[in-house]
Each structure stands twice: as structure tokens, then as C-alpha cells.
Amino acid sequence: MGAQFPLCEARVASPSSSQPLSATSGDPALDRRLDWARADLEAGDATAAAELMADTVREAPHFLAAWFLLGEARLAAGDTAGAAAAFAAARERDPADALGAGLRLAQLGGAAAEGAMSPDYVRTLFDQYAPRFDAALRENLAYRGPEVLSEAVEAACAAAGRAPRFAHALDLGCGTGLAAPLFAGRVAALDGVDLSPAMVARARALGLYARLEVGEMGAALAAVPPGSLDLILAADALCYVGELGPIFRAAAAALAPGGLFAFTVETHAGDGLLLRETLRYAHGRALVTAEADGAGLAVHLLEDRSTRTEKGAPVPGLVAVLARSVDL
């Protein structure tokens, strides 16, 4: 799944909260300040935006979106400590963290970067992004994750002397279904899962999936009968997962002997985990191989391949094909 965009604009609601956590304070006059503050930020006056949002949260301390925008404004103004305090306040008011305040804190060194992103954050991000997702990725970011995966699966199968044909596959983080046209013809039954209902609705319209569900990747893998999948795909989905180990272990359990797990990740020059400024994780090559080994997955292909550009430059990435056993 795709690019970062400002989540301070999000209209979010937390079912666990007795008070709506949304981009409204309940007072239209205070609500308008969000637009004014965003305009100040866009004009380069982060200090004015921060002052306006600080006044706003004093008057409406429950106003989640204002706390988050206060953090962004303070960060843009160079007030790192103040930004961290505002993001912490936003996260306290929404433990589900639909706006990604915890990720901002991780960037600032105020929280651990490991682990998975908040499901509510990912869902909110992509529910809003769904209408323009395909065009944004293909036209603006030159995205070709599904094509990279397809080429990698073909190469791994060719090296093993087997046809790239599969009985049952699961597309993790399927999004709008960009991988389906490339894989549906090779798979007797292609299923998909994504956290975003809006994305799943668009994938369903393709008519290429045997089954689609709204849900989390790890839970979807755990729900399939052990050893029942011949192919697992994850095109540009694991950049929203910090710890790869749980997903890798769940994939190993779900795969049939000789089954393949093909995925792309963003990467970096180091060995470990990096939370990029785009709020996407980058995994070092050594980390990927270590987690695969720990899950009992053999690495059959691991290559440097970029699946997208940002600001006109390729984003460093890896494409991998792992197998449940040494023999494909």
C-alpha cells in the first residue's frame, strides 16, 4: 500500500471512546481554525500555526485533530520537545492511534519504532486514500510492486525447474487488487485481505478474487488451515510492519511444503529496522534473512529492487521469495 499524506485532515472515530475523536471540536468556530492553521503551515509560518493550535487545544482539550496538527506545526517550527508533547497528548486521547501519533513519537525518539503500526492508523490512511490510490501510485510514484513480485516468482520457479502455477494463494495487504491481474491466471483460487474496507471494495469490483476480507494480515494467515497455501503475496505491504518475525512465522505455518512467500520491502544501507520520514518501515537485508531463518523459511531469491519513486528518485527496496522448505 501507498504513499503518505497529511493525516491531520482525517475524520476519525474511535468506538472505544465515549467522546467522538474526530476533526470536529463540536464548535464550528474552533473547527475553522484547523484550516487556518494548515494554511499558515503551507505558507511557511509554522509558528503562527502552532500558536493557533495551542490556543485551540486549551479551549477544546478533547480536540484530537488539533493536538495532532499542533504537533506537526511545532515540529515544522523546530520545537521538537513541544511536538512530542502534542503527539503524546493526541495518542492519549485516542489509544487506537488512528492518526499515527505513536509513529511521530517514534521518529522523535519518544517511543519504540519496533512493532506493527496501529491498525486504525493504516485503515484510516487507506480508506481516505482509496479513491485516488491507483492513479497516485502508478502516475506519481511509478509504482510497480506487483510486476516486481511477478518477475521474482517466475525467476524463483524457473530456477527450481517448476511452473509458476499454484492452487491456493493469499494476497496480503491486497489494497485495490493491483497484483490480481498478474497472478489470478496462475492460481486456481486467489484470496485477498486488507485492513481498509474502501480498498477491499475496489478489489472486489475486479472480480478476480475468490474471497476477500477486511482484516489484519497476521490474523488472516492464522485463520487459514495450516499448510493450505501454495503462494503468499505481499506487494508493498510489509513496509507497514516493523517486526517481520510474527508474519514470517505465520506464513511458514500457512504454507504447504514447497509453498512460496513472495514480498517486497523498503530497505536501507544498515542491517536493522528504520522508520523513514514517510512513516514507512525500511528493513535491512540482514534483518530480512535473519527473520526468514528464524521462521524456518529458506531464501530462494533476495534482490535489490525498487518498486516506487519519491521526489523523482527510486526508493531502495528488496524483493524476496521464501519457501517453507529448502526444496521447492
Protein backbone atom coordinates (compact mmCIF):
# COMPACT_ATOMS: atom_id res chain seq x y z
CA MET A 1 0.00 0.00 0.00
CA GLY A 2 0.89 3.53 -0.77
CA ALA A 3 2.10 6.99 -0.17
CA GLN A 4 1.98 9.16 2.88
CA PHE A 5 -0.40 12.11 3.09
CA PRO A 6 -1.38 14.52 5.90
CA LEU A 7 -3.49 12.67 8.40
CA CYS A 8 -4.32 15.81 10.35
CA GLU A 9 -7.18 16.12 7.85
CA ALA A 10 -8.66 12.76 8.87
CA ARG A 11 -12.20 12.36 10.14
CA VAL A 12 -11.76 9.53 12.60
CA ALA A 13 -13.92 7.93 15.24
CA SER A 14 -12.93 5.57 17.99
CA PRO A 15 -15.60 3.04 19.00
CA SER A 16 -13.85 2.56 22.34
CA SER A 17 -14.20 6.20 23.31
CA SER A 18 -17.26 7.74 24.89
CA GLN A 19 -16.45 11.03 23.14
CA PRO A 20 -16.10 11.22 19.36
CA LEU A 21 -12.47 11.56 18.32
CA SER A 22 -12.87 13.46 15.08
CA ALA A 23 -11.77 16.50 13.21
CA THR A 24 -14.56 18.45 14.87
CA SER A 25 -14.46 20.04 18.26
CA GLY A 26 -18.21 20.48 18.34
CA ASP A 27 -17.73 24.22 17.84
CA PRO A 28 -17.67 25.37 14.18
CA ALA A 29 -15.60 28.44 15.11
CA LEU A 30 -12.87 26.23 16.60
CA ASP A 31 -13.11 23.78 13.72
CA ARG A 32 -12.30 26.53 11.22
CA ARG A 33 -9.01 27.09 12.97
CA LEU A 34 -7.72 23.78 11.57
CA ASP A 35 -7.98 25.17 8.05
CA TRP A 36 -6.38 28.43 9.09
CA ALA A 37 -3.51 26.63 10.78
CA ARG A 38 -2.96 24.39 7.74
CA ALA A 39 -2.90 27.50 5.56
CA ASP A 40 -0.28 29.03 7.86
CA LEU A 41 1.81 25.86 7.59
CA GLU A 42 1.57 25.82 3.81
CA ALA A 43 2.60 29.48 3.76
CA GLY A 44 5.67 28.64 5.84
CA ASP A 45 4.51 30.24 9.08
CA ALA A 46 4.72 27.24 11.40
CA THR A 47 4.95 29.44 14.48
CA ALA A 48 1.59 31.07 13.77
CA ALA A 49 0.02 27.66 13.13
CA ALA A 50 1.40 26.32 16.41
CA GLU A 51 0.16 29.30 18.40
CA LEU A 52 -3.32 28.98 16.89
CA MET A 53 -3.50 25.26 17.66
CA ALA A 54 -2.13 25.76 21.18
CA ASP A 55 -4.96 28.24 21.85
CA THR A 56 -7.43 25.78 20.33
CA VAL A 57 -6.49 22.79 22.48
CA ARG A 58 -6.64 24.98 25.58
CA GLU A 59 -10.27 25.73 24.70
CA ALA A 60 -11.08 22.22 23.47
CA PRO A 61 -8.71 19.74 25.15
CA HIS A 62 -10.63 16.78 23.63
CA PHE A 63 -9.97 18.01 20.05
CA LEU A 64 -7.78 15.20 18.72
CA ALA A 65 -7.10 16.64 15.27
CA ALA A 66 -5.99 19.94 16.81
CA TRP A 67 -3.49 18.17 19.08
CA PHE A 68 -2.06 16.31 16.10
CA LEU A 69 -1.80 19.44 13.97
CA LEU A 70 -0.20 21.23 16.92
CA GLY A 71 2.49 18.54 16.90
CA GLU A 72 3.07 18.95 13.17
CA ALA A 73 3.25 22.73 13.47
CA ARG A 74 5.67 22.65 16.41
CA LEU A 75 7.83 20.13 14.56
CA ALA A 76 7.93 22.37 11.49
CA ALA A 77 8.86 25.29 13.76
CA GLY A 78 11.79 23.35 15.23
CA ASP A 79 10.20 22.76 18.63
CA THR A 80 10.91 19.02 18.94
CA ALA A 81 10.03 18.74 22.62
CA GLY A 82 6.79 20.62 22.14
CA ALA A 83 5.89 18.47 19.14
CA ALA A 84 6.49 15.31 21.16
CA ALA A 85 4.25 16.59 23.94
CA ALA A 86 1.46 17.34 21.47
CA PHE A 87 1.72 13.96 19.75
CA ALA A 88 1.72 12.25 23.16
CA ALA A 89 -1.45 14.15 24.05
CA ALA A 90 -3.05 13.03 20.78
CA ARG A 91 -2.16 9.42 21.43
CA GLU A 92 -3.50 9.60 24.99
CA ARG A 93 -6.84 10.81 23.63
CA ASP A 94 -7.02 8.02 21.07
CA PRO A 95 -5.32 4.80 22.27
CA ALA A 96 -6.16 3.22 18.89
CA ASP A 97 -3.92 5.90 17.36
CA ALA A 98 -5.84 6.44 14.14
CA LEU A 99 -3.74 9.50 13.26
CA GLY A 100 -0.36 7.82 13.78
CA ALA A 101 0.82 9.93 16.72
CA GLY A 102 2.81 6.97 18.03
CA LEU A 103 4.78 6.83 14.79
CA ARG A 104 5.57 10.52 15.07
CA LEU A 105 6.81 9.91 18.61
CA ALA A 106 8.97 7.06 17.34
CA GLN A 107 10.51 9.40 14.79
CA LEU A 108 11.28 11.85 17.56
CA GLY A 109 12.81 9.17 19.76
CA GLY A 110 9.97 9.22 22.24
CA ALA A 111 8.66 5.72 21.55
CA ALA A 112 9.93 2.42 20.24
CA ALA A 113 9.99 2.12 16.46
CA GLU A 114 9.50 -1.64 16.51
CA GLY A 115 6.22 -3.45 16.18
CA ALA A 116 3.27 -3.03 13.88
CA MET A 117 1.62 0.22 13.04
CA SER A 118 -1.75 0.86 14.58
CA PRO A 119 -4.41 -0.92 12.51
CA ASP A 120 -6.66 2.10 12.95
CA TYR A 121 -3.94 4.32 11.51
CA VAL A 122 -3.46 2.14 8.43
CA ARG A 123 -7.22 1.75 7.95
CA THR A 124 -7.83 5.49 8.22
CA LEU A 125 -4.95 6.24 5.87
CA PHE A 126 -6.10 3.94 3.11
CA ASP A 127 -9.85 4.40 3.45
CA GLN A 128 -9.22 8.06 2.60
CA TYR A 129 -6.60 7.23 0.00
CA ALA A 130 -8.65 4.56 -1.87
CA PRO A 131 -10.35 6.80 -4.48
CA ARG A 132 -7.02 8.09 -5.79
CA PHE A 133 -4.77 5.17 -4.83
CA ASP A 134 -4.15 3.54 -8.21
CA ALA A 135 -3.57 6.79 -10.08
CA ALA A 136 -1.32 8.21 -7.37
CA LEU A 137 0.89 5.13 -7.25
CA ARG A 138 1.10 4.46 -10.96
CA GLU A 139 1.28 8.02 -12.26
CA ASN A 140 3.00 9.92 -9.47
CA LEU A 141 5.22 7.28 -7.87
CA ALA A 142 5.92 4.98 -10.85
CA TYR A 143 4.82 2.08 -8.65
CA ARG A 144 5.43 -1.44 -9.97
CA GLY A 145 5.39 -3.66 -6.91
CA PRO A 146 3.12 -6.33 -8.43
CA GLU A 147 5.29 -6.51 -11.55
CA VAL A 148 8.43 -6.90 -9.44
CA LEU A 149 6.74 -9.70 -7.47
CA SER A 150 5.58 -11.43 -10.62
CA GLU A 151 9.07 -11.38 -12.12
CA ALA A 152 10.58 -12.67 -8.86
CA VAL A 153 8.14 -15.59 -8.60
CA GLU A 154 8.80 -16.51 -12.22
CA ALA A 155 12.57 -16.39 -11.66
CA ALA A 156 12.40 -18.49 -8.49
CA CYS A 157 10.21 -21.10 -10.17
CA ALA A 158 12.41 -21.20 -13.27
CA ALA A 159 15.50 -21.75 -11.13
CA ALA A 160 13.74 -24.69 -9.46
CA GLY A 161 12.52 -26.14 -12.73
CA ARG A 162 8.85 -25.78 -11.88
CA ALA A 163 5.95 -23.92 -13.48
CA PRO A 164 4.68 -20.77 -11.73
CA ARG A 165 1.26 -22.32 -11.12
CA PHE A 166 -0.43 -22.52 -7.74
CA ALA A 167 -3.58 -23.99 -6.26
CA HIS A 168 -4.33 -21.51 -3.46
CA ALA A 169 -2.82 -18.06 -2.88
CA LEU A 170 -3.38 -15.24 -0.40
CA ASP A 171 -2.65 -11.61 -1.26
CA LEU A 172 -1.70 -9.83 1.98
CA GLY A 173 -2.49 -6.13 2.09
CA CYS A 174 -4.13 -6.53 -1.30
CA GLY A 175 -5.26 -2.91 -1.48
CA THR A 176 -7.28 -2.24 -4.62
CA GLY A 177 -6.08 -5.50 -6.15
CA LEU A 178 -3.18 -4.31 -8.29
CA ALA A 179 -1.49 -7.71 -8.05
CA ALA A 180 -4.58 -9.70 -9.03
CA PRO A 181 -4.35 -9.28 -12.83
CA LEU A 182 -0.80 -10.64 -12.77
CA PHE A 183 -1.47 -13.63 -10.53
CA ALA A 184 -5.11 -14.63 -10.93
CA GLY A 185 -4.33 -16.59 -14.10
CA ARG A 186 -1.66 -18.62 -12.31
CA VAL A 187 -3.74 -19.50 -9.27
CA ALA A 188 -6.80 -21.73 -9.02
CA ALA A 189 -8.08 -19.68 -6.07
CA LEU A 190 -6.73 -16.22 -5.19
CA ASP A 191 -7.85 -14.71 -1.88
CA GLY A 192 -7.09 -11.25 -0.52
CA VAL A 193 -7.09 -9.38 2.77
CA ASP A 194 -6.68 -5.71 3.62
CA LEU A 195 -7.38 -3.53 6.64
CA SER A 196 -9.21 -0.92 4.56
CA PRO A 197 -12.86 -1.62 3.68
CA ALA A 198 -12.66 1.01 0.93
CA MET A 199 -9.69 -0.75 -0.64
CA VAL A 200 -11.34 -4.16 -0.41
CA ALA A 201 -14.45 -2.78 -2.11
CA ARG A 202 -12.35 -1.71 -5.09
CA ALA A 203 -10.54 -5.03 -5.20
CA ARG A 204 -13.87 -6.88 -5.17
CA ALA A 205 -15.02 -4.91 -8.22
CA LEU A 206 -12.25 -6.56 -10.26
CA GLY A 207 -13.93 -9.96 -9.99
CA LEU A 208 -10.54 -11.72 -9.79
CA TYR A 209 -10.50 -12.81 -6.16
CA ALA A 210 -12.20 -15.97 -4.96
CA ARG A 211 -12.54 -14.47 -1.49
CA LEU A 212 -11.82 -11.08 0.06
CA GLU A 213 -11.93 -9.99 3.68
CA VAL A 214 -11.30 -6.90 5.72
CA GLY A 215 -8.72 -7.76 8.33
CA GLU A 216 -5.14 -7.80 9.56
CA MET A 217 -2.50 -9.81 7.71
CA GLY A 218 -1.30 -11.89 10.63
CA ALA A 219 -4.82 -12.77 11.71
CA ALA A 220 -5.71 -13.77 8.15
CA LEU A 221 -2.71 -16.09 7.95
CA ALA A 222 -3.53 -17.62 11.33
CA ALA A 223 -7.10 -18.29 10.22
CA VAL A 224 -6.24 -20.44 7.21
CA PRO A 225 -5.73 -24.18 7.77
CA PRO A 226 -2.05 -24.99 8.35
CA GLY A 227 -0.24 -26.00 5.18
CA SER A 228 -3.09 -24.92 2.91
CA LEU A 229 -1.47 -22.09 0.91
CA ASP A 230 0.83 -22.60 -2.06
CA LEU A 231 1.62 -18.90 -2.53
CA ILE A 232 1.54 -15.86 -0.26
CA LEU A 233 1.99 -12.39 -1.75
CA ALA A 234 2.73 -9.07 -0.06
CA ALA A 235 3.33 -6.25 -2.51
CA ASP A 236 4.38 -3.08 -0.70
CA ALA A 237 2.52 -4.19 2.44
CA LEU A 238 5.31 -5.11 4.88
CA CYS A 239 6.55 -1.51 4.98
CA TYR A 240 3.72 -1.06 7.48
CA VAL A 241 5.05 -3.84 9.72
CA GLY A 242 8.05 -3.32 11.98
CA GLU A 243 8.64 -6.82 13.35
CA LEU A 244 8.68 -9.27 10.46
CA GLY A 245 9.07 -12.34 12.67
CA PRO A 246 5.37 -12.88 13.53
CA ILE A 247 4.29 -12.52 9.90
CA PHE A 248 7.08 -14.82 8.71
CA ARG A 249 6.21 -17.48 11.28
CA ALA A 250 2.51 -17.27 10.42
CA ALA A 251 3.36 -17.56 6.72
CA ALA A 252 5.54 -20.62 7.36
CA ALA A 253 2.68 -22.30 9.20
CA ALA A 254 0.16 -21.47 6.48
CA LEU A 255 2.33 -22.63 3.56
CA ALA A 256 2.19 -26.11 2.10
CA PRO A 257 5.57 -27.87 1.75
CA GLY A 258 7.41 -26.08 -1.04
CA GLY A 259 4.96 -23.16 -0.92
CA LEU A 260 6.31 -19.70 -1.66
CA PHE A 261 6.13 -16.40 0.20
CA ALA A 262 6.90 -13.52 -2.17
CA PHE A 263 7.09 -9.94 -0.91
CA THR A 264 8.69 -6.55 -1.31
CA VAL A 265 10.06 -4.30 1.42
CA GLU A 266 11.74 -0.94 1.52
CA THR A 267 15.33 -1.16 2.68
CA HIS A 268 18.32 0.93 3.73
CA ALA A 269 22.09 0.65 4.00
CA GLY A 270 22.03 -0.63 7.58
CA ASP A 271 21.20 -4.06 8.93
CA GLY A 272 18.21 -3.39 11.16
CA LEU A 273 14.88 -1.56 11.19
CA LEU A 274 14.42 2.07 10.19
CA LEU A 275 11.28 4.20 10.41
CA ARG A 276 11.51 6.52 7.43
CA GLU A 277 10.23 10.10 7.32
CA THR A 278 7.34 8.84 5.20
CA LEU A 279 6.22 6.80 8.25
CA ARG A 280 7.02 3.57 6.43
CA TYR A 281 9.45 0.98 7.74
CA ALA A 282 12.65 0.08 5.91
CA HIS A 283 14.15 -3.35 6.66
CA GLY A 284 17.84 -4.11 6.26
CA ARG A 285 18.84 -7.11 4.17
CA ALA A 286 20.44 -8.86 7.16
CA LEU A 287 17.23 -8.40 9.18
CA VAL A 288 15.13 -9.99 6.43
CA THR A 289 17.40 -13.02 6.14
CA ALA A 290 17.64 -13.45 9.92
CA GLU A 291 13.85 -13.32 10.37
CA ALA A 292 13.37 -15.77 7.50
CA ASP A 293 15.83 -18.20 9.03
CA GLY A 294 14.17 -17.86 12.43
CA ALA A 295 10.80 -18.71 10.91
CA GLY A 296 12.11 -21.76 9.08
CA LEU A 297 11.81 -20.17 5.66
CA ALA A 298 14.52 -20.71 3.05
CA VAL A 299 15.59 -17.72 0.96
CA HIS A 300 15.32 -18.64 -2.71
CA LEU A 301 15.57 -15.11 -4.06
CA LEU A 302 16.56 -11.83 -2.44
CA GLU A 303 17.41 -8.96 -4.75
CA ASP A 304 17.68 -5.20 -4.64
CA ARG A 305 14.64 -3.87 -6.48
CA SER A 306 12.87 -0.56 -6.13
CA THR A 307 9.10 -0.63 -6.52
CA ARG A 308 8.44 3.13 -6.44
CA THR A 309 9.92 6.60 -6.63
CA GLU A 310 9.73 9.53 -4.24
CA LYS A 311 10.63 13.03 -5.38
CA GLY A 312 11.77 11.51 -8.65
CA ALA A 313 14.29 9.11 -7.08
CA PRO A 314 13.93 5.32 -6.69
CA VAL A 315 13.19 4.19 -3.13
CA PRO A 316 15.67 1.44 -2.15
CA GLY A 317 13.88 -1.86 -1.85
CA LEU A 318 14.18 -5.63 -1.76
CA VAL A 319 12.15 -8.34 -3.41
CA ALA A 320 12.20 -11.77 -1.79
CA VAL A 321 10.88 -15.22 -2.47
CA LEU A 322 10.99 -17.52 0.54
CA ALA A 323 9.94 -21.16 0.75
CA ARG A 324 8.74 -23.30 3.61
CA SER A 325 11.38 -25.93 2.85
CA VAL A 326 14.76 -25.97 1.12
CA ASP A 327 13.34 -27.91 -1.83
CA LEU A 328 10.85 -26.04 -3.97
